[in-house]
Amino acid sequence: MAAKRILIVDDEPDVLNVLSRNFTGEGYEVSTASNGHEAMIKAIERQPNIVLLDYIMPLMDGLDVLGELKKEMPEVVVIVITGRGSENVAVEAMKTGAKDYIRKPFDMDRLTEMVDTYIEEYYDTIVRRNHEYAYPLGDEVVHRYEFLRTIYSSPNPDITKLSVKFGYNRNSFYKFDREMRKYGVRGIFDKTKKELEEELGTGEEFYPKREIPRPDAEDSPGERYPFSQFVNPADKVQIKLEMLREAATSTKPHIGEITQKYGFSRQLFYTLHDRFSGYGALGILNRKKRKGKKRKNGNI
């Protein structure tokens, strides 16, 4: 799953220790800082998704740090923590770009729930979705696919920044891009062809009929990753994924028009959507029919 990185900024060692232990136990990559200058250095180094920021600190005021953070990383989620339960502090923090506000002494369960909610929201905002059709970005393969798609959809993509936004590093892009151009969407599964076929009994060819070439810079001036080279019509899994994505990200999707566009029936769309909602990318791989064997409930 995508990285969950949190930076905790507080000048009280006991608070740093307690929060660090708690969020490490919750599966977060934790960094800490005890003053504003250190916070900015750590933030630029570690590129956190979430920052827990004490309001009163030495060297730099919490609101000054907040302003600098939002300038450097507009998408970072900042929760301000303060011992001053003043409404004015909350209002100023929100005006400066904080997502939320909590005061000391805080309830650890409530704070953890708040952080979990905002990390989920952080990734959910990557793709606009309607309420009727699911696009399970929490599925690792779908997340990787959207990462690649975003880079190919951007006129002048900053691969480093987009990698951080999705919780990867720059090398991850080159790896996923290479594997997907070579093998199609199945290339970005953490499973080999043999493992997938053993698990699903897939009836489709594992490999698409042709590899998607990446054009040289000379062939496409100013467009290093043209979107026209991203979608491979021979990769049936990708075409299904594009269809489901369009239904999920359209404000008012017309399923008849969408299915006609991608060459599928409405009935197949709803079958795929149910499987996609329940099982993510695995749910849209074809399965061989196995005579004499019944599927157990819950299996794809």
Protein backbone atom coordinates (compact mmCIF):
# COMPACT_ATOMS: atom_id res chain seq x y z
CA MET A 1 0.00 0.00 0.00
CA ALA A 2 1.06 3.61 -0.41
CA ALA A 3 3.36 5.07 2.21
CA LYS A 4 2.01 6.63 5.38
CA ARG A 5 4.59 9.21 6.45
CA ILE A 6 4.10 11.43 9.47
CA LEU A 7 6.28 14.22 10.88
CA ILE A 8 5.74 15.06 14.55
CA VAL A 9 6.95 18.48 15.68
CA ASP A 10 7.00 19.30 19.39
CA ASP A 11 9.56 20.73 21.80
CA GLU A 12 8.54 18.34 24.60
CA PRO A 13 10.57 15.06 24.42
CA ASP A 14 7.89 13.11 26.29
CA VAL A 15 5.23 14.14 23.78
CA LEU A 16 7.49 13.22 20.86
CA ASN A 17 8.22 9.80 22.37
CA VAL A 18 4.58 8.96 23.10
CA LEU A 19 3.34 10.08 19.67
CA SER A 20 6.25 8.42 17.88
CA ARG A 21 5.60 5.05 19.57
CA ASN A 22 1.88 5.28 18.90
CA PHE A 23 2.13 6.04 15.17
CA THR A 24 4.99 3.62 14.59
CA GLY A 25 2.71 0.96 16.05
CA GLU A 26 -0.03 2.09 13.63
CA GLY A 27 2.22 1.42 10.63
CA TYR A 28 3.41 4.96 9.93
CA GLU A 29 6.92 6.00 8.90
CA VAL A 30 7.62 8.46 11.72
CA SER A 31 10.02 11.44 11.73
CA THR A 32 10.34 13.89 14.62
CA ALA A 33 11.57 17.44 15.13
CA SER A 34 11.85 19.57 18.27
CA ASN A 35 11.83 23.05 16.69
CA GLY A 36 10.69 24.86 13.58
CA HIS A 37 14.02 24.90 11.74
CA GLU A 38 14.51 21.18 12.26
CA ALA A 39 10.90 20.61 11.18
CA MET A 40 11.47 22.28 7.80
CA ILE A 41 14.67 20.29 7.18
CA LYS A 42 12.94 17.00 8.06
CA ALA A 43 9.89 17.88 5.98
CA ILE A 44 11.93 18.55 2.85
CA GLU A 45 14.01 15.40 3.47
CA ARG A 46 11.18 12.98 4.32
CA GLN A 47 8.23 14.48 2.39
CA PRO A 48 5.54 13.53 4.95
CA ASN A 49 1.85 13.14 4.10
CA ILE A 50 0.80 14.35 7.58
CA VAL A 51 2.42 16.80 10.02
CA LEU A 52 1.45 17.05 13.68
CA LEU A 53 2.63 20.55 14.56
CA ASP A 54 2.92 22.07 18.02
CA TYR A 55 1.75 25.67 18.09
CA ILE A 56 4.32 27.04 20.58
CA MET A 57 7.96 26.20 19.83
CA PRO A 58 11.40 27.77 20.06
CA LEU A 59 13.15 29.37 17.04
CA MET A 60 10.06 29.46 14.80
CA ASP A 61 6.43 29.97 15.74
CA GLY A 62 4.12 27.08 14.80
CA LEU A 63 2.08 29.23 12.43
CA ASP A 64 5.25 30.41 10.68
CA VAL A 65 6.28 26.77 10.20
CA LEU A 66 2.78 25.99 8.94
CA GLY A 67 3.02 28.77 6.35
CA GLU A 68 6.42 27.55 5.14
CA LEU A 69 5.23 23.94 4.97
CA LYS A 70 2.22 24.80 2.84
CA LYS A 71 4.42 26.92 0.57
CA GLU A 72 6.86 24.02 0.02
CA MET A 73 4.26 21.22 0.01
CA PRO A 74 0.74 22.47 -0.70
CA GLU A 75 -0.77 18.98 -0.40
CA VAL A 76 0.65 18.11 3.03
CA VAL A 77 -1.99 17.69 5.76
CA VAL A 78 -1.15 19.69 8.88
CA ILE A 79 -2.86 19.18 12.25
CA VAL A 80 -1.95 21.86 14.78
CA ILE A 81 -1.53 20.81 18.42
CA THR A 82 -1.55 23.41 21.17
CA GLY A 83 -2.00 23.77 24.91
CA ARG A 84 -3.88 26.99 24.34
CA GLY A 85 -7.47 26.00 23.70
CA SER A 86 -8.20 29.35 22.15
CA GLU A 87 -10.60 29.64 19.24
CA ASN A 88 -8.36 32.35 17.82
CA VAL A 89 -5.50 29.87 17.49
CA ALA A 90 -7.75 27.44 15.62
CA VAL A 91 -9.02 30.16 13.27
CA GLU A 92 -5.50 31.41 12.51
CA ALA A 93 -4.24 27.88 11.92
CA MET A 94 -7.08 27.13 9.50
CA LYS A 95 -6.51 30.41 7.65
CA THR A 96 -2.83 29.57 7.28
CA GLY A 97 -3.61 26.14 5.83
CA ALA A 98 -4.07 23.68 8.70
CA LYS A 99 -6.52 20.86 8.09
CA ASP A 100 -7.53 20.47 11.71
CA TYR A 101 -6.74 21.44 15.27
CA ILE A 102 -6.45 19.53 18.55
CA ARG A 103 -5.49 20.77 21.99
CA LYS A 104 -3.39 19.28 24.77
CA PRO A 105 -3.98 17.14 26.69
CA PHE A 106 -5.34 15.17 23.72
CA ASP A 107 -7.07 11.83 23.50
CA MET A 108 -4.70 9.46 21.67
CA ASP A 109 -7.49 7.37 20.15
CA ARG A 110 -9.20 10.47 18.79
CA LEU A 111 -5.94 11.83 17.37
CA THR A 112 -5.09 8.48 15.76
CA GLU A 113 -8.54 8.28 14.20
CA MET A 114 -8.17 11.84 12.91
CA VAL A 115 -4.78 11.08 11.32
CA ASP A 116 -6.07 7.83 9.77
CA THR A 117 -9.03 9.69 8.27
CA TYR A 118 -6.83 12.40 6.77
CA ILE A 119 -4.26 9.98 5.31
CA GLU A 120 -7.12 8.17 3.56
CA GLU A 121 -8.50 11.49 2.34
CA TYR A 122 -5.02 12.52 1.16
CA TYR A 123 -4.91 9.60 -1.27
CA ASP A 124 -8.62 9.66 -2.14
CA THR A 125 -8.33 13.20 -3.48
CA ILE A 126 -5.92 11.94 -6.15
CA VAL A 127 -8.91 10.67 -8.12
CA ARG A 128 -12.28 12.44 -8.12
CA ARG A 129 -14.98 9.81 -7.62
CA ASN A 130 -18.76 9.72 -7.58
CA HIS A 131 -20.77 7.86 -4.96
CA GLU A 132 -22.25 5.20 -7.23
CA TYR A 133 -19.26 3.44 -8.77
CA ALA A 134 -16.13 2.43 -6.88
CA TYR A 135 -12.53 3.07 -7.89
CA PRO A 136 -10.59 1.26 -5.14
CA LEU A 137 -7.43 3.35 -4.94
CA GLY A 138 -6.56 1.44 -1.77
CA ASP A 139 -5.78 -1.54 -3.99
CA GLU A 140 -2.02 -1.49 -4.60
CA VAL A 141 -2.23 -2.31 -8.32
CA VAL A 142 -4.92 0.35 -8.92
CA HIS A 143 -2.80 2.83 -6.96
CA ARG A 144 0.27 2.07 -9.09
CA TYR A 145 -1.80 2.33 -12.25
CA GLU A 146 -3.15 5.74 -11.24
CA PHE A 147 0.39 6.86 -10.41
CA LEU A 148 1.56 6.00 -13.94
CA ARG A 149 -1.59 7.41 -15.51
CA THR A 150 -1.15 10.75 -13.72
CA ILE A 151 2.38 11.12 -15.03
CA TYR A 152 1.29 10.30 -18.58
CA SER A 153 -1.68 12.68 -18.24
CA SER A 154 0.47 15.64 -17.11
CA PRO A 155 1.79 18.01 -19.79
CA ASN A 156 5.12 18.51 -18.01
CA PRO A 157 5.23 15.94 -15.23
CA ASP A 158 7.56 16.42 -12.27
CA ILE A 159 8.23 12.74 -11.63
CA THR A 160 9.86 13.32 -8.25
CA LYS A 161 6.94 15.37 -6.89
CA LEU A 162 4.30 13.05 -8.30
CA SER A 163 6.16 10.05 -6.87
CA VAL A 164 6.05 11.63 -3.42
CA LYS A 165 2.36 12.47 -3.81
CA PHE A 166 1.59 8.80 -4.43
CA GLY A 167 3.95 7.54 -1.72
CA TYR A 168 6.70 6.18 -4.01
CA ASN A 169 10.18 7.23 -5.07
CA ARG A 170 11.42 8.21 -8.52
CA ASN A 171 12.87 4.76 -9.21
CA SER A 172 9.45 3.22 -8.59
CA PHE A 173 8.09 5.11 -11.59
CA TYR A 174 10.75 3.75 -13.93
CA LYS A 175 10.22 0.22 -12.64
CA PHE A 176 6.39 0.28 -12.90
CA ASP A 177 6.52 2.05 -16.25
CA ARG A 178 8.91 -0.50 -17.71
CA GLU A 179 6.92 -3.47 -16.42
CA MET A 180 3.59 -2.12 -17.58
CA ARG A 181 4.81 -1.22 -21.08
CA LYS A 182 6.27 -4.69 -21.37
CA TYR A 183 3.55 -6.83 -19.78
CA GLY A 184 0.47 -4.60 -19.51
CA VAL A 185 -1.36 -4.02 -16.23
CA ARG A 186 -0.36 -7.49 -15.05
CA GLY A 187 3.21 -6.23 -14.98
CA ILE A 188 2.47 -4.05 -11.95
CA PHE A 189 1.07 -6.90 -9.86
CA ASP A 190 3.39 -8.28 -7.19
CA LYS A 191 2.71 -11.69 -8.71
CA THR A 192 4.36 -13.65 -11.50
CA LYS A 193 2.46 -15.03 -14.47
CA LYS A 194 2.58 -18.50 -12.88
CA GLU A 195 1.31 -17.25 -9.51
CA LEU A 196 -1.60 -15.40 -11.15
CA GLU A 197 -2.57 -18.38 -13.25
CA GLU A 198 -2.39 -20.73 -10.26
CA GLU A 199 -4.49 -18.36 -8.15
CA LEU A 200 -7.07 -17.41 -10.76
CA GLY A 201 -6.78 -19.93 -13.57
CA THR A 202 -6.78 -16.95 -15.90
CA GLY A 203 -7.96 -17.66 -19.44
CA GLU A 204 -6.52 -14.53 -21.06
CA GLU A 205 -3.02 -14.30 -22.41
CA PHE A 206 -0.78 -13.01 -19.68
CA TYR A 207 1.05 -10.71 -22.06
CA PRO A 208 -0.63 -8.12 -24.28
CA LYS A 209 -0.19 -8.65 -28.02
CA ARG A 210 2.24 -5.79 -28.41
CA GLU A 211 4.55 -3.80 -26.21
CA ILE A 212 3.83 -0.09 -25.84
CA PRO A 213 6.95 1.77 -27.00
CA ARG A 214 8.00 4.95 -25.27
CA PRO A 215 8.83 7.50 -28.00
CA ASP A 216 12.17 9.27 -28.02
CA ALA A 217 12.25 12.90 -26.99
CA GLU A 218 13.10 13.82 -30.60
CA ASP A 219 9.90 12.18 -31.84
CA SER A 220 7.68 13.98 -29.34
CA PRO A 221 9.23 17.36 -28.49
CA GLY A 222 8.02 18.67 -25.14
CA GLU A 223 5.99 15.53 -24.46
CA ARG A 224 8.17 12.94 -22.76
CA TYR A 225 5.26 10.71 -21.74
CA PRO A 226 2.38 11.26 -24.18
CA PHE A 227 -0.93 9.82 -23.00
CA SER A 228 -1.53 8.41 -26.47
CA GLN A 229 1.25 5.93 -25.73
CA PHE A 230 -0.17 4.93 -22.34
CA VAL A 231 -3.30 2.95 -23.18
CA ASN A 232 -2.66 -0.33 -25.00
CA PRO A 233 -5.82 -1.55 -26.80
CA ALA A 234 -4.37 -5.08 -26.86
CA ASP A 235 -4.28 -5.21 -23.05
CA LYS A 236 -7.82 -6.27 -22.12
CA VAL A 237 -7.21 -5.72 -18.42
CA GLN A 238 -6.23 -2.10 -19.02
CA ILE A 239 -9.29 -1.48 -21.21
CA LYS A 240 -11.55 -2.86 -18.47
CA LEU A 241 -9.77 -0.69 -15.92
CA GLU A 242 -10.17 2.42 -18.09
CA MET A 243 -13.90 1.69 -18.47
CA LEU A 244 -14.41 1.24 -14.73
CA ARG A 245 -12.33 4.33 -14.02
CA GLU A 246 -14.42 6.47 -16.38
CA ALA A 247 -17.64 5.34 -14.70
CA ALA A 248 -16.20 6.10 -11.26
CA THR A 249 -14.76 9.51 -12.11
CA SER A 250 -17.58 10.94 -14.24
CA THR A 251 -19.96 13.29 -12.47
CA LYS A 252 -22.99 11.77 -14.19
CA PRO A 253 -21.83 8.55 -15.88
CA HIS A 254 -23.95 7.11 -18.69
CA ILE A 255 -23.12 3.41 -18.48
CA GLY A 256 -24.62 2.57 -21.89
CA GLU A 257 -22.40 5.11 -23.64
CA ILE A 258 -19.33 4.12 -21.61
CA THR A 259 -19.70 0.40 -22.29
CA GLN A 260 -20.29 1.04 -25.99
CA LYS A 261 -17.14 3.16 -26.11
CA TYR A 262 -15.02 0.34 -24.67
CA GLY A 263 -16.76 -2.51 -26.50
CA PHE A 264 -18.36 -4.27 -23.53
CA SER A 265 -21.95 -5.06 -22.60
CA ARG A 266 -23.77 -3.38 -19.72
CA GLN A 267 -24.18 -6.76 -18.06
CA LEU A 268 -20.43 -7.39 -18.17
CA PHE A 269 -19.78 -3.91 -16.83
CA TYR A 270 -21.90 -4.55 -13.72
CA THR A 271 -20.32 -7.97 -13.22
CA LEU A 272 -16.83 -6.46 -13.49
CA HIS A 273 -17.77 -3.56 -11.24
CA ASP A 274 -18.98 -5.89 -8.48
CA ARG A 275 -15.77 -7.91 -8.67
CA PHE A 276 -13.63 -4.75 -8.88
CA SER A 277 -15.34 -3.25 -5.83
CA GLY A 278 -14.75 -6.40 -3.82
CA TYR A 279 -11.35 -7.56 -5.00
CA GLY A 280 -9.65 -4.61 -6.69
CA ALA A 281 -7.50 -5.30 -9.73
CA LEU A 282 -7.58 -9.07 -9.16
CA GLY A 283 -11.32 -8.94 -9.71
CA ILE A 284 -11.03 -7.87 -13.35
CA LEU A 285 -8.73 -10.68 -14.45
CA ASN A 286 -10.48 -13.43 -16.39
CA ARG A 287 -10.86 -16.87 -14.84
CA LYS A 288 -10.94 -20.23 -16.55
CA LYS A 289 -14.05 -22.28 -15.90
CA ARG A 290 -13.12 -25.36 -13.95
CA LYS A 291 -15.39 -28.33 -14.36
CA GLY A 292 -16.35 -30.31 -11.32
CA LYS A 293 -15.15 -27.64 -8.88
CA LYS A 294 -17.30 -25.15 -7.05
CA ARG A 295 -16.00 -21.83 -5.92
CA LYS A 296 -15.98 -21.22 -2.23
CA ASN A 297 -17.82 -18.16 -1.04
CA GLY A 298 -15.54 -15.14 -0.96
CA ASN A 299 -13.16 -16.41 -3.64
CA ILE A 300 -12.82 -14.66 -6.96
